Amino acid sequence: MACRQCGTCCVAPDISALDKPLGERCRHLLPTGLCDIYATRPAVCASYRPDDLCGLITAPTLDERVANYLRLFGLAAAPVGVSGRSEA
């Protein structure tokens, strides 16, 4: 499956190599849905391959896709401000 460049994989999961919490937008995700550090992204990001999950979470907006992802795995993102990080 080809990447849909929807940005969900850069928001929904936690990415410890980037100190990115569950459900928070990666600071490297561009408005276009592409990665600003694509050439030097962490191995966990480079090894990700789109699969059937992408079809299961399809929705019109990024927020809806992230909510579908979290719901599918029975996860909940931390409420804003709980992580101690400021939004960029």
PDB file of N, CA and C in Angstrom:
ATOM      1  N   MET A   1       0.855  -1.176   0.000  1.00  0.00           N
ATOM      2  CA  MET A   1       0.000   0.000   0.000  1.00  0.00           C
ATOM      3  C   MET A   1       0.899   1.237   0.000  1.00  0.00           C
ATOM      4  N   ALA A   2       0.527   2.202  -0.818  1.00  0.00           N
ATOM      5  CA  ALA A   2       1.280   3.453  -0.878  1.00  0.00           C
ATOM      6  C   ALA A   2       0.875   4.367   0.277  1.00  0.00           C
ATOM      7  N   CYS A   3       1.823   5.139   0.753  1.00  0.00           N
ATOM      8  CA  CYS A   3       1.546   6.098   1.822  1.00  0.00           C
ATOM      9  C   CYS A   3       0.551   7.135   1.318  1.00  0.00           C
ATOM     10  N   ARG A   4      -0.428   7.441   2.142  1.00  0.00           N
ATOM     11  CA  ARG A   4      -1.443   8.435   1.788  1.00  0.00           C
ATOM     12  C   ARG A   4      -1.033   9.845   2.199  1.00  0.00           C
ATOM     13  N   GLN A   5       0.104   9.959   2.864  1.00  0.00           N
ATOM     14  CA  GLN A   5       0.612  11.243   3.351  1.00  0.00           C
ATOM     15  C   GLN A   5      -0.445  11.972   4.171  1.00  0.00           C
ATOM     16  N   CYS A   6      -1.126  11.195   5.025  1.00  0.00           N
ATOM     17  CA  CYS A   6      -2.210  11.768   5.829  1.00  0.00           C
ATOM     18  C   CYS A   6      -1.727  12.309   7.168  1.00  0.00           C
ATOM     19  N   GLY A   7      -0.500  11.920   7.596  1.00  0.00           N
ATOM     20  CA  GLY A   7       0.067  12.430   8.832  1.00  0.00           C
ATOM     21  C   GLY A   7      -0.334  11.689  10.095  1.00  0.00           C
ATOM     22  N   THR A   8      -1.240  10.726   9.991  1.00  0.00           N
ATOM     23  CA  THR A   8      -1.730  10.036  11.185  1.00  0.00           C
ATOM     24  C   THR A   8      -0.603   9.343  11.948  1.00  0.00           C
ATOM     25  N   CYS A   9       0.318   8.710  11.236  1.00  0.00           N
ATOM     26  CA  CYS A   9       1.411   7.995  11.906  1.00  0.00           C
ATOM     27  C   CYS A   9       2.380   8.955  12.593  1.00  0.00           C
ATOM     28  N   CYS A  10       2.273  10.246  12.289  1.00  0.00           N
ATOM     29  CA  CYS A  10       3.106  11.269  12.917  1.00  0.00           C
ATOM     30  C   CYS A  10       2.389  11.964  14.074  1.00  0.00           C
ATOM     31  N   VAL A  11       1.175  11.531  14.350  1.00  0.00           N
ATOM     32  CA  VAL A  11       0.401  12.136  15.430  1.00  0.00           C
ATOM     33  C   VAL A  11      -0.062  11.078  16.427  1.00  0.00           C
ATOM     34  N   ALA A  12      -0.701  10.032  15.942  1.00  0.00           N
ATOM     35  CA  ALA A  12      -1.354   9.069  16.832  1.00  0.00           C
ATOM     36  C   ALA A  12      -0.398   8.298  17.752  1.00  0.00           C
ATOM     37  N   PRO A  13       0.597   7.583  17.232  1.00  0.00           N
ATOM     38  CA  PRO A  13       1.446   6.787  18.142  1.00  0.00           C
ATOM     39  C   PRO A  13       2.454   7.647  18.893  1.00  0.00           C
ATOM     40  N   ASP A  14       2.950   7.110  19.994  1.00  0.00           N
ATOM     41  CA  ASP A  14       4.062   7.787  20.654  1.00  0.00           C
ATOM     42  C   ASP A  14       5.328   7.436  19.876  1.00  0.00           C
ATOM     43  N   ILE A  15       6.256   8.347  19.824  1.00  0.00           N
ATOM     44  CA  ILE A  15       7.537   8.117  19.153  1.00  0.00           C
ATOM     45  C   ILE A  15       8.618   8.522  20.147  1.00  0.00           C
ATOM     46  N   SER A  16       9.072   7.565  20.922  1.00  0.00           N
ATOM     47  CA  SER A  16      10.007   7.871  22.007  1.00  0.00           C
ATOM     48  C   SER A  16      11.320   8.445  21.493  1.00  0.00           C
ATOM     49  N   ALA A  17      11.756   8.042  20.302  1.00  0.00           N
ATOM     50  CA  ALA A  17      13.009   8.563  19.754  1.00  0.00           C
ATOM     51  C   ALA A  17      12.938  10.074  19.521  1.00  0.00           C
ATOM     52  N   LEU A  18      11.720  10.602  19.406  1.00  0.00           N
ATOM     53  CA  LEU A  18      11.528  12.038  19.211  1.00  0.00           C
ATOM     54  C   LEU A  18      10.892  12.692  20.432  1.00  0.00           C
ATOM     55  N   ASP A  19      10.764  11.921  21.507  1.00  0.00           N
ATOM     56  CA  ASP A  19      10.129  12.416  22.729  1.00  0.00           C
ATOM     57  C   ASP A  19       8.715  12.949  22.439  1.00  0.00           C
ATOM     58  N   LYS A  20       7.997  12.215  21.558  1.00  0.00           N
ATOM     59  CA  LYS A  20       6.657  12.614  21.139  1.00  0.00           C
ATOM     60  C   LYS A  20       5.624  11.727  21.815  1.00  0.00           C
ATOM     61  N   PRO A  21       4.766  12.309  22.627  1.00  0.00           N
ATOM     62  CA  PRO A  21       3.745  11.525  23.321  1.00  0.00           C
ATOM     63  C   PRO A  21       2.612  11.048  22.411  1.00  0.00           C
ATOM     64  N   LEU A  22       1.922  10.072  22.870  1.00  0.00           N
ATOM     65  CA  LEU A  22       0.747   9.521  22.206  1.00  0.00           C
ATOM     66  C   LEU A  22      -0.263  10.623  21.915  1.00  0.00           C
ATOM     67  N   GLY A  23      -0.728  10.682  20.675  1.00  0.00           N
ATOM     68  CA  GLY A  23      -1.788  11.605  20.301  1.00  0.00           C
ATOM     69  C   GLY A  23      -1.378  13.047  20.077  1.00  0.00           C
ATOM     70  N   GLU A  24      -0.100  13.355  20.228  1.00  0.00           N
ATOM     71  CA  GLU A  24       0.365  14.725  19.977  1.00  0.00           C
ATOM     72  C   GLU A  24       1.086  14.782  18.639  1.00  0.00           C
ATOM     73  N   ARG A  25       0.893  15.859  17.934  1.00  0.00           N
ATOM     74  CA  ARG A  25       1.493  16.062  16.621  1.00  0.00           C
ATOM     75  C   ARG A  25       3.020  16.117  16.742  1.00  0.00           C
ATOM     76  N   CYS A  26       3.714  15.399  15.866  1.00  0.00           N
ATOM     77  CA  CYS A  26       5.174  15.465  15.831  1.00  0.00           C
ATOM     78  C   CYS A  26       5.583  16.857  15.372  1.00  0.00           C
ATOM     79  N   ARG A  27       6.581  17.403  16.002  1.00  0.00           N
ATOM     80  CA  ARG A  27       7.027  18.759  15.662  1.00  0.00           C
ATOM     81  C   ARG A  27       7.613  18.822  14.248  1.00  0.00           C
ATOM     82  N   HIS A  28       7.906  17.687  13.642  1.00  0.00           N
ATOM     83  CA  HIS A  28       8.492  17.643  12.306  1.00  0.00           C
ATOM     84  C   HIS A  28       7.458  17.420  11.203  1.00  0.00           C
ATOM     85  N   LEU A  29       6.206  17.260  11.563  1.00  0.00           N
ATOM     86  CA  LEU A  29       5.156  17.046  10.569  1.00  0.00           C
ATOM     87  C   LEU A  29       4.784  18.380   9.921  1.00  0.00           C
ATOM     88  N   LEU A  30       4.950  18.448   8.634  1.00  0.00           N
ATOM     89  CA  LEU A  30       4.631  19.661   7.884  1.00  0.00           C
ATOM     90  C   LEU A  30       3.131  19.721   7.577  1.00  0.00           C
ATOM     91  N   PRO A  31       2.599  20.879   7.292  1.00  0.00           N
ATOM     92  CA  PRO A  31       1.174  21.007   6.940  1.00  0.00           C
ATOM     93  C   PRO A  31       0.787  20.158   5.724  1.00  0.00           C
ATOM     94  N   THR A  32       1.761  19.813   4.894  1.00  0.00           N
ATOM     95  CA  THR A  32       1.512  18.995   3.700  1.00  0.00           C
ATOM     96  C   THR A  32       1.353  17.512   4.025  1.00  0.00           C
ATOM     97  N   GLY A  33       1.598  17.126   5.291  1.00  0.00           N
ATOM     98  CA  GLY A  33       1.541  15.714   5.668  1.00  0.00           C
ATOM     99  C   GLY A  33       2.869  15.013   5.496  1.00  0.00           C
ATOM    100  N   LEU A  34       3.903  15.749   5.141  1.00  0.00           N
ATOM    101  CA  LEU A  34       5.233  15.186   4.964  1.00  0.00           C
ATOM    102  C   LEU A  34       6.108  15.505   6.161  1.00  0.00           C
ATOM    103  N   CYS A  35       7.213  14.765   6.271  1.00  0.00           N
ATOM    104  CA  CYS A  35       8.143  14.925   7.383  1.00  0.00           C
ATOM    105  C   CYS A  35       9.244  15.920   7.028  1.00  0.00           C
ATOM    106  N   ASP A  36       9.482  16.860   7.928  1.00  0.00           N
ATOM    107  CA  ASP A  36      10.510  17.877   7.723  1.00  0.00           C
ATOM    108  C   ASP A  36      11.922  17.308   7.859  1.00  0.00           C
ATOM    109  N   ILE A  37      12.074  16.167   8.537  1.00  0.00           N
ATOM    110  CA  ILE A  37      13.397  15.554   8.720  1.00  0.00           C
ATOM    111  C   ILE A  37      13.445  14.179   8.048  1.00  0.00           C
ATOM    112  N   TYR A  38      12.731  14.021   6.951  1.00  0.00           N
ATOM    113  CA  TYR A  38      12.581  12.720   6.297  1.00  0.00           C
ATOM    114  C   TYR A  38      13.920  12.007   6.099  1.00  0.00           C
ATOM    115  N   ALA A  39      14.924  12.705   5.608  1.00  0.00           N
ATOM    116  CA  ALA A  39      16.219  12.085   5.320  1.00  0.00           C
ATOM    117  C   ALA A  39      16.940  11.607   6.574  1.00  0.00           C
ATOM    118  N   THR A  40      16.644  12.212   7.726  1.00  0.00           N
ATOM    119  CA  THR A  40      17.345  11.856   8.958  1.00  0.00           C
ATOM    120  C   THR A  40      16.389  11.377  10.051  1.00  0.00           C
ATOM    121  N   ARG A  41      15.164  10.990   9.682  1.00  0.00           N
ATOM    122  CA  ARG A  41      14.168  10.560  10.670  1.00  0.00           C
ATOM    123  C   ARG A  41      14.647   9.321  11.406  1.00  0.00           C
ATOM    124  N   PRO A  42      14.138   9.096  12.628  1.00  0.00           N
ATOM    125  CA  PRO A  42      14.547   7.930  13.411  1.00  0.00           C
ATOM    126  C   PRO A  42      14.179   6.612  12.720  1.00  0.00           C
ATOM    127  N   ALA A  43      14.875   5.566  13.097  1.00  0.00           N
ATOM    128  CA  ALA A  43      14.659   4.244  12.500  1.00  0.00           C
ATOM    129  C   ALA A  43      13.206   3.787  12.630  1.00  0.00           C
ATOM    130  N   VAL A  44      12.563   4.090  13.752  1.00  0.00           N
ATOM    131  CA  VAL A  44      11.176   3.664  13.940  1.00  0.00           C
ATOM    132  C   VAL A  44      10.280   4.293  12.874  1.00  0.00           C
ATOM    133  N   CYS A  45      10.563   5.513  12.497  1.00  0.00           N
ATOM    134  CA  CYS A  45       9.780   6.189  11.454  1.00  0.00           C
ATOM    135  C   CYS A  45      10.146   5.635  10.073  1.00  0.00           C
ATOM    136  N   ALA A  46      11.428   5.432   9.834  1.00  0.00           N
ATOM    137  CA  ALA A  46      11.888   4.931   8.533  1.00  0.00           C
ATOM    138  C   ALA A  46      11.391   3.516   8.264  1.00  0.00           C
ATOM    139  N   SER A  47      11.204   2.731   9.321  1.00  0.00           N
ATOM    140  CA  SER A  47      10.773   1.343   9.130  1.00  0.00           C
ATOM    141  C   SER A  47       9.260   1.191   9.005  1.00  0.00           C
ATOM    142  N   TYR A  48       8.511   2.251   9.279  1.00  0.00           N
ATOM    143  CA  TYR A  48       7.056   2.175   9.174  1.00  0.00           C
ATOM    144  C   TYR A  48       6.642   1.991   7.719  1.00  0.00           C
ATOM    145  N   ARG A  49       5.712   1.072   7.502  1.00  0.00           N
ATOM    146  CA  ARG A  49       5.159   0.833   6.173  1.00  0.00           C
ATOM    147  C   ARG A  49       3.638   0.897   6.266  1.00  0.00           C
ATOM    148  N   PRO A  50       2.992   1.661   5.400  1.00  0.00           N
ATOM    149  CA  PRO A  50       1.532   1.707   5.402  1.00  0.00           C
ATOM    150  C   PRO A  50       0.965   0.295   5.207  1.00  0.00           C
ATOM    151  N   ASP A  51      -0.135   0.023   5.897  1.00  0.00           N
ATOM    152  CA  ASP A  51      -0.740  -1.299   5.802  1.00  0.00           C
ATOM    153  C   ASP A  51      -2.258  -1.180   5.942  1.00  0.00           C
ATOM    154  N   ASP A  52      -2.923  -2.294   6.223  1.00  0.00           N
ATOM    155  CA  ASP A  52      -4.382  -2.309   6.338  1.00  0.00           C
ATOM    156  C   ASP A  52      -4.904  -1.355   7.406  1.00  0.00           C
ATOM    157  N   LEU A  53      -4.099  -1.075   8.416  1.00  0.00           N
ATOM    158  CA  LEU A  53      -4.502  -0.144   9.467  1.00  0.00           C
ATOM    159  C   LEU A  53      -4.873   1.212   8.874  1.00  0.00           C
ATOM    160  N   CYS A  54      -4.128   1.644   7.870  1.00  0.00           N
ATOM    161  CA  CYS A  54      -4.405   2.939   7.240  1.00  0.00           C
ATOM    162  C   CYS A  54      -5.826   2.974   6.690  1.00  0.00           C
ATOM    163  N   GLY A  55      -6.287   1.876   6.132  1.00  0.00           N
ATOM    164  CA  GLY A  55      -7.647   1.813   5.620  1.00  0.00           C
ATOM    165  C   GLY A  55      -8.686   1.782   6.723  1.00  0.00           C
ATOM    166  N   LEU A  56      -8.338   1.175   7.858  1.00  0.00           N
ATOM    167  CA  LEU A  56      -9.284   1.064   8.974  1.00  0.00           C
ATOM    168  C   LEU A  56      -9.550   2.394   9.667  1.00  0.00           C
ATOM    169  N   ILE A  57      -8.609   3.295   9.593  1.00  0.00           N
ATOM    170  CA  ILE A  57      -8.758   4.572  10.310  1.00  0.00           C
ATOM    171  C   ILE A  57      -9.114   5.734   9.387  1.00  0.00           C
ATOM    172  N   THR A  58      -9.352   5.456   8.118  1.00  0.00           N
ATOM    173  CA  THR A  58      -9.655   6.503   7.145  1.00  0.00           C
ATOM    174  C   THR A  58     -10.775   7.412   7.630  1.00  0.00           C
ATOM    175  N   ALA A  59     -10.563   8.700   7.481  1.00  0.00           N
ATOM    176  CA  ALA A  59     -11.554   9.719   7.855  1.00  0.00           C
ATOM    177  C   ALA A  59     -11.169  11.009   7.136  1.00  0.00           C
ATOM    178  N   PRO A  60     -12.103  11.952   7.044  1.00  0.00           N
ATOM    179  CA  PRO A  60     -11.842  13.196   6.312  1.00  0.00           C
ATOM    180  C   PRO A  60     -10.768  14.104   6.928  1.00  0.00           C
ATOM    181  N   THR A  61     -10.606  14.082   8.245  1.00  0.00           N
ATOM    182  CA  THR A  61      -9.644  14.990   8.871  1.00  0.00           C
ATOM    183  C   THR A  61      -8.597  14.229   9.670  1.00  0.00           C
ATOM    184  N   LEU A  62      -7.481  14.882   9.906  1.00  0.00           N
ATOM    185  CA  LEU A  62      -6.409  14.297  10.710  1.00  0.00           C
ATOM    186  C   LEU A  62      -6.902  13.997  12.125  1.00  0.00           C
ATOM    187  N   ASP A  63      -7.641  14.916  12.717  1.00  0.00           N
ATOM    188  CA  ASP A  63      -8.161  14.692  14.072  1.00  0.00           C
ATOM    189  C   ASP A  63      -9.031  13.442  14.133  1.00  0.00           C
ATOM    190  N   GLU A  64      -9.862  13.245  13.123  1.00  0.00           N
ATOM    191  CA  GLU A  64     -10.730  12.062  13.099  1.00  0.00           C
ATOM    192  C   GLU A  64      -9.925  10.784  12.895  1.00  0.00           C
ATOM    193  N   ARG A  65      -8.911  10.835  12.041  1.00  0.00           N
ATOM    194  CA  ARG A  65      -8.070   9.651  11.823  1.00  0.00           C
ATOM    195  C   ARG A  65      -7.328   9.286  13.101  1.00  0.00           C
ATOM    196  N   VAL A  66      -6.799  10.287  13.797  1.00  0.00           N
ATOM    197  CA  VAL A  66      -6.093  10.027  15.061  1.00  0.00           C
ATOM    198  C   VAL A  66      -7.062   9.431  16.079  1.00  0.00           C
ATOM    199  N   ALA A  67      -8.250   9.971  16.184  1.00  0.00           N
ATOM    200  CA  ALA A  67      -9.251   9.434  17.115  1.00  0.00           C
ATOM    201  C   ALA A  67      -9.586   7.990  16.759  1.00  0.00           C
ATOM    202  N   ASN A  68      -9.710   7.691  15.473  1.00  0.00           N
ATOM    203  CA  ASN A  68      -9.991   6.317  15.038  1.00  0.00           C
ATOM    204  C   ASN A  68      -8.846   5.383  15.416  1.00  0.00           C
ATOM    205  N   TYR A  69      -7.616   5.837  15.232  1.00  0.00           N
ATOM    206  CA  TYR A  69      -6.432   5.045  15.582  1.00  0.00           C
ATOM    207  C   TYR A  69      -6.439   4.732  17.079  1.00  0.00           C
ATOM    208  N   LEU A  70      -6.593   5.763  17.880  1.00  0.00           N
ATOM    209  CA  LEU A  70      -6.564   5.579  19.332  1.00  0.00           C
ATOM    210  C   LEU A  70      -7.695   4.665  19.785  1.00  0.00           C
ATOM    211  N   ARG A  71      -8.877   4.850  19.223  1.00  0.00           N
ATOM    212  CA  ARG A  71     -10.031   4.019  19.580  1.00  0.00           C
ATOM    213  C   ARG A  71      -9.788   2.558  19.188  1.00  0.00           C
ATOM    214  N   LEU A  72      -9.225   2.343  18.000  1.00  0.00           N
ATOM    215  CA  LEU A  72      -8.946   0.996  17.514  1.00  0.00           C
ATOM    216  C   LEU A  72      -8.048   0.219  18.476  1.00  0.00           C
ATOM    217  N   PHE A  73      -7.093   0.914  19.083  1.00  0.00           N
ATOM    218  CA  PHE A  73      -6.157   0.270  20.004  1.00  0.00           C
ATOM    219  C   PHE A  73      -6.544   0.446  21.474  1.00  0.00           C
ATOM    220  N   GLY A  74      -7.693   1.059  21.725  1.00  0.00           N
ATOM    221  CA  GLY A  74      -8.140   1.242  23.104  1.00  0.00           C
ATOM    222  C   GLY A  74      -7.242   2.195  23.870  1.00  0.00           C
ATOM    223  N   LEU A  75      -6.735   3.206  23.187  1.00  0.00           N
ATOM    224  CA  LEU A  75      -5.816   4.167  23.803  1.00  0.00           C
ATOM    225  C   LEU A  75      -6.487   5.526  23.937  1.00  0.00           C
ATOM    226  N   ALA A  76      -5.943   6.328  24.807  1.00  0.00           N
ATOM    227  CA  ALA A  76      -6.418   7.699  24.959  1.00  0.00           C
ATOM    228  C   ALA A  76      -5.203   8.598  25.079  1.00  0.00           C
ATOM    229  N   ALA A  77      -5.214   9.670  24.329  1.00  0.00           N
ATOM    230  CA  ALA A  77      -4.119  10.637  24.407  1.00  0.00           C
ATOM    231  C   ALA A  77      -4.224  11.390  25.716  1.00  0.00           C
ATOM    232  N   ALA A  78      -3.090  11.831  26.212  1.00  0.00           N
ATOM    233  CA  ALA A  78      -3.080  12.629  27.435  1.00  0.00           C
ATOM    234  C   ALA A  78      -3.774  13.954  27.175  1.00  0.00           C
ATOM    235  N   PRO A  79      -4.539  14.444  28.123  1.00  0.00           N
ATOM    236  CA  PRO A  79      -5.167  15.754  27.946  1.00  0.00           C
ATOM    237  C   PRO A  79      -4.104  16.830  27.738  1.00  0.00           C
ATOM    238  N   VAL A  80      -4.421  17.848  26.982  1.00  0.00           N
ATOM    239  CA  VAL A  80      -3.471  18.924  26.715  1.00  0.00           C
ATOM    240  C   VAL A  80      -2.970  19.501  28.032  1.00  0.00           C
ATOM    241  N   GLY A  81      -1.653  19.652  28.106  1.00  0.00           N
ATOM    242  CA  GLY A  81      -1.048  20.232  29.308  1.00  0.00           C
ATOM    243  C   GLY A  81      -0.557  19.194  30.300  1.00  0.00           C
ATOM    244  N   VAL A  82      -1.035  17.963  30.221  1.00  0.00           N
ATOM    245  CA  VAL A  82      -0.627  16.935  31.176  1.00  0.00           C
ATOM    246  C   VAL A  82       0.819  16.512  30.943  1.00  0.00           C
ATOM    247  N   SER A  83       1.255  16.512  29.669  1.00  0.00           N
ATOM    248  CA  SER A  83       2.612  16.060  29.378  1.00  0.00           C
ATOM    249  C   SER A  83       3.670  17.073  29.790  1.00  0.00           C
ATOM    250  N   GLY A  84       3.252  18.299  30.076  1.00  0.00           N
ATOM    251  CA  GLY A  84       4.217  19.324  30.446  1.00  0.00           C
ATOM    252  C   GLY A  84       4.873  19.974  29.257  1.00  0.00           C
ATOM    253  N   ARG A  85       4.429  19.624  28.065  1.00  0.00           N
ATOM    254  CA  ARG A  85       5.013  20.204  26.864  1.00  0.00           C
ATOM    255  C   ARG A  85       4.123  21.331  26.359  1.00  0.00           C
ATOM    256  N   SER A  86       4.751  22.319  25.783  1.00  0.00           N
ATOM    257  CA  SER A  86       3.961  23.399  25.190  1.00  0.00           C
ATOM    258  C   SER A  86       3.738  23.071  23.723  1.00  0.00           C
ATOM    259  N   GLU A  87       2.615  23.528  23.186  1.00  0.00           N
ATOM    260  CA  GLU A  87       2.324  23.273  21.788  1.00  0.00           C
ATOM    261  C   GLU A  87       3.042  24.296  20.938  1.00  0.00           C
ATOM    262  N   ALA A  88       3.555  23.823  19.795  1.00  0.00           N
ATOM    263  CA  ALA A  88       4.280  24.722  18.886  1.00  0.00           C
ATOM    264  C   ALA A  88       3.349  25.283  17.847  1.00  0.00           C
TER     265      ALA A  88
END
